[in-house]
């Protein structure tokens, strides 16, 4: 788990065992060397796996099929207390599904806040492709129940001219129900602007 086999080493990579290693996670045929207690504190899913009535409880190697090595290593680097890597544009799409699956609540909240701020910046800067990114983050929030991101994405999409948003929504196969929610909010916003002019 650390690059030096010394107690107290702080450079964590998960690529080699260290004195704290007591579980090897096999992903795409390669090992990620971890500590059960650390994983259990971070994730109730791992806690049940290692301390409940499961076969994994007494194993020193566990295979994680259908996972990608680099993605899972990025996930571990975000939850390990020796690294706690930041959520960024480059890793958020990788991290969100994993924090949802492994129920890492504090990191899920961190992702939610990060995406909420990212959406605000997208709308302010209006760089090429920002509307597609708004829709993508809406999909992510809707699928993984990111409450703050969902609210911000719906509001931000509703603030844009629908003729520009419609192709992006259709391309992403956004449900009619969600489109209706966006349109309703847009109409309410336009009506409130008109009322403010007459008041």
Protein backbone atom coordinates (compact mmCIF):
# COMPACT_ATOMS: atom_id res chain seq x y z
CA UNK A 1 0.00 0.00 0.00
CA UNK A 2 2.97 2.33 0.53
CA UNK A 3 6.13 2.68 -1.50
CA UNK A 4 8.37 1.96 1.49
CA UNK A 5 8.03 -1.12 3.67
CA UNK A 6 8.40 0.91 6.83
CA UNK A 7 5.92 1.59 9.59
CA UNK A 8 4.94 5.23 9.43
CA UNK A 9 5.49 5.62 5.67
CA UNK A 10 3.02 8.15 4.30
CA UNK A 11 3.41 7.66 0.54
CA UNK A 12 0.45 5.46 -0.28
CA UNK A 13 0.13 3.89 -3.74
CA UNK A 14 -1.64 0.53 -3.07
CA UNK A 15 0.75 -1.05 -5.58
CA UNK A 16 2.92 -2.87 -3.02
CA UNK A 17 2.18 -4.45 0.38
CA UNK A 18 3.31 -2.65 3.53
CA UNK A 19 3.20 -3.50 7.28
CA UNK A 20 -0.49 -2.52 7.43
CA UNK A 21 -1.61 -4.65 4.49
CA UNK A 22 -4.02 -7.44 5.39
CA UNK A 23 -6.11 -7.68 2.20
CA UNK A 24 -5.28 -7.75 -1.50
CA UNK A 25 -7.99 -6.59 -3.89
CA UNK A 26 -7.59 -8.23 -7.28
CA UNK A 27 -8.74 -5.97 -10.08
CA UNK A 28 -8.12 -6.88 -13.73
CA UNK A 29 -5.62 -9.46 -12.51
CA UNK A 30 -3.53 -6.94 -10.57
CA UNK A 31 -3.34 -6.46 -6.82
CA UNK A 32 -4.28 -3.40 -4.78
CA UNK A 33 -2.86 -3.79 -1.28
CA UNK A 34 -5.12 -2.42 1.45
CA UNK A 35 -6.09 -2.55 5.09
CA UNK A 36 -9.45 -4.01 6.08
CA UNK A 37 -9.98 -1.61 8.98
CA UNK A 38 -9.37 1.45 6.81
CA UNK A 39 -11.76 0.17 4.15
CA UNK A 40 -14.35 -0.72 6.80
CA UNK A 41 -14.30 2.75 8.35
CA UNK A 42 -14.76 4.33 4.92
CA UNK A 43 -17.43 1.98 3.59
CA UNK A 44 -20.26 0.06 5.28
CA UNK A 45 -20.18 -2.32 2.31
CA UNK A 46 -16.58 -3.25 3.08
CA UNK A 47 -17.42 -3.37 6.80
CA UNK A 48 -20.09 -6.01 6.19
CA UNK A 49 -17.79 -7.88 3.83
CA UNK A 50 -14.91 -8.09 6.31
CA UNK A 51 -16.77 -8.26 9.63
CA UNK A 52 -20.08 -9.89 8.75
CA UNK A 53 -20.99 -13.46 7.96
CA UNK A 54 -19.41 -13.51 4.51
CA UNK A 55 -16.77 -15.78 3.02
CA UNK A 56 -14.52 -12.73 2.45
CA UNK A 57 -14.17 -12.28 6.22
CA UNK A 58 -11.20 -14.62 6.52
CA UNK A 59 -9.72 -14.21 3.07
CA UNK A 60 -6.51 -12.34 2.29
CA UNK A 61 -7.33 -11.93 -1.39
CA UNK A 62 -10.63 -10.78 -2.87
CA UNK A 63 -11.43 -10.51 -6.56
CA UNK A 64 -13.47 -7.49 -7.71
CA UNK A 65 -14.82 -8.45 -11.14
CA UNK A 66 -16.14 -5.84 -13.58
CA UNK A 67 -13.97 -3.15 -11.96
CA UNK A 68 -11.13 -1.29 -13.65
CA UNK A 69 -7.76 -1.20 -11.91
CA UNK A 70 -6.96 2.48 -12.49
CA UNK A 71 -10.49 3.56 -11.55
CA UNK A 72 -10.52 1.59 -8.32
CA UNK A 73 -7.05 2.83 -7.38
CA UNK A 74 -8.27 6.41 -7.88
CA UNK A 75 -11.21 5.61 -5.61
CA UNK A 76 -8.90 4.25 -2.91
CA UNK A 77 -6.68 7.33 -3.13
CA UNK A 78 -9.73 9.49 -2.41
CA UNK A 79 -10.81 7.55 0.70
CA UNK A 80 -7.48 6.68 2.30
CA UNK A 81 -6.62 9.04 5.21
CA UNK A 82 -3.00 9.15 4.08
CA UNK A 83 -3.89 10.60 0.68
CA UNK A 84 -7.48 11.96 0.53
CA UNK A 85 -7.04 13.07 -3.05
CA UNK A 86 -9.31 15.86 -4.28
CA UNK A 87 -12.32 15.40 -6.52
CA UNK A 88 -11.54 16.93 -9.93
CA UNK A 89 -13.00 17.17 -13.43
CA UNK A 90 -10.77 14.26 -14.38
CA UNK A 91 -11.89 11.78 -11.69
CA UNK A 92 -15.44 12.75 -10.72
CA UNK A 93 -17.10 10.52 -13.33
CA UNK A 94 -15.01 7.61 -12.06
CA UNK A 95 -15.53 8.27 -8.36
CA UNK A 96 -19.29 8.92 -8.24
CA UNK A 97 -20.44 5.40 -9.27
CA UNK A 98 -17.97 3.81 -6.83
CA UNK A 99 -18.88 5.98 -3.83
CA UNK A 100 -22.52 5.16 -4.54
CA UNK A 101 -21.88 1.41 -4.79
CA UNK A 102 -19.70 1.31 -1.66
CA UNK A 103 -21.83 3.87 0.22
CA UNK A 104 -18.98 6.23 1.08
CA UNK A 105 -21.31 8.98 2.26
CA UNK A 106 -18.78 11.69 3.09
CA UNK A 107 -17.10 11.38 -0.30
CA UNK A 108 -20.45 11.33 -2.08
CA UNK A 109 -21.30 14.65 -0.43
CA UNK A 110 -17.92 15.98 -1.52
CA UNK A 111 -18.65 14.96 -5.13
CA UNK A 112 -22.08 16.57 -4.91
CA UNK A 113 -20.64 19.89 -3.72
CA UNK A 114 -17.89 19.78 -6.34
CA UNK A 115 -20.36 19.23 -9.18
CA UNK A 116 -22.67 21.95 -7.89
CA UNK A 117 -19.79 24.44 -8.02
CA UNK A 118 -18.68 23.12 -11.41
CA UNK A 119 -22.14 23.73 -12.87
CA UNK A 120 -22.11 27.30 -11.55
CA UNK A 121 -18.78 27.89 -13.28
CA UNK A 122 -20.02 26.32 -16.53
CA UNK A 123 -22.99 28.68 -16.69
CA UNK A 124 -20.88 31.71 -15.81
CA UNK A 125 -18.12 30.98 -18.34
CA UNK A 126 -20.30 29.56 -21.14
CA UNK A 127 -17.41 27.83 -22.89
CA UNK A 128 -17.99 25.64 -25.95
CA UNK A 129 -19.82 22.45 -25.03
CA UNK A 130 -21.06 23.71 -21.67
CA UNK A 131 -24.68 22.78 -22.41
CA UNK A 132 -23.70 19.16 -23.08
CA UNK A 133 -21.82 19.08 -19.79
CA UNK A 134 -24.85 20.45 -17.95
CA UNK A 135 -26.95 17.59 -19.31
CA UNK A 136 -24.25 15.05 -18.49
CA UNK A 137 -24.07 16.21 -14.88
CA UNK A 138 -27.87 16.12 -14.69
CA UNK A 139 -27.78 12.48 -15.79
CA UNK A 140 -25.09 11.70 -13.21
CA UNK A 141 -27.05 13.41 -10.44
CA UNK A 142 -30.30 11.72 -11.40
CA UNK A 143 -28.74 8.24 -11.54
CA UNK A 144 -26.75 8.49 -8.30
CA UNK A 145 -29.06 10.73 -6.26
CA UNK A 146 -26.77 13.76 -5.98
CA UNK A 147 -29.35 16.16 -4.58
CA UNK A 148 -27.46 19.46 -4.79
CA UNK A 149 -26.12 18.70 -8.26
CA UNK A 150 -29.56 17.67 -9.51
CA UNK A 151 -31.20 20.88 -8.28
CA UNK A 152 -28.43 23.07 -9.70
CA UNK A 153 -28.40 21.25 -13.04
CA UNK A 154 -32.18 21.51 -13.50
CA UNK A 155 -32.14 25.21 -12.59
CA UNK A 156 -29.19 25.91 -14.87
CA UNK A 157 -30.66 24.05 -17.85
CA UNK A 158 -34.00 25.80 -17.31
CA UNK A 159 -32.22 29.16 -17.43
CA UNK A 160 -30.96 28.47 -20.96
CA UNK A 161 -33.02 29.01 -24.15
CA UNK A 162 -34.80 25.73 -24.71
CA UNK A 163 -34.07 25.71 -28.45
CA UNK A 164 -30.38 25.32 -27.58
CA UNK A 165 -30.93 22.79 -24.81
CA UNK A 166 -33.43 20.57 -26.61
CA UNK A 167 -30.86 18.87 -28.94
CA UNK A 168 -28.62 18.08 -25.97
CA UNK A 169 -31.53 16.70 -23.93
CA UNK A 170 -32.70 14.56 -26.85
CA UNK A 171 -29.17 13.29 -27.59
CA UNK A 172 -28.81 12.22 -23.96
CA UNK A 173 -32.27 10.58 -24.05
CA UNK A 174 -33.49 12.55 -21.06
CA UNK A 175 -36.92 11.30 -19.98
CA UNK A 176 -40.06 13.24 -20.84
CA UNK A 177 -40.79 13.59 -17.13
CA UNK A 178 -37.46 15.30 -16.52
CA UNK A 179 -37.90 17.50 -19.60
CA UNK A 180 -41.28 18.54 -18.24
CA UNK A 181 -39.69 19.46 -14.91
CA UNK A 182 -37.15 21.64 -16.72
CA UNK A 183 -39.76 23.29 -18.95
CA UNK A 184 -42.06 23.96 -16.02
CA UNK A 185 -39.26 25.68 -14.14
CA UNK A 186 -38.35 27.71 -17.23
CA UNK A 187 -41.95 28.87 -17.74
CA UNK A 188 -42.25 29.80 -14.07
CA UNK A 189 -39.01 31.78 -14.35
CA UNK A 190 -40.16 33.63 -17.45
CA UNK A 191 -43.52 34.41 -15.90
CA UNK A 192 -41.95 35.77 -12.74
CA UNK A 193 -39.74 38.06 -14.85
CA UNK A 194 -42.79 39.37 -16.71
CA UNK A 195 -44.64 39.96 -13.45
CA UNK A 196 -41.71 41.88 -12.00
CA UNK A 197 -41.85 44.23 -15.02
CA UNK A 198 -45.49 45.07 -14.39
CA UNK A 199 -45.25 45.40 -10.60
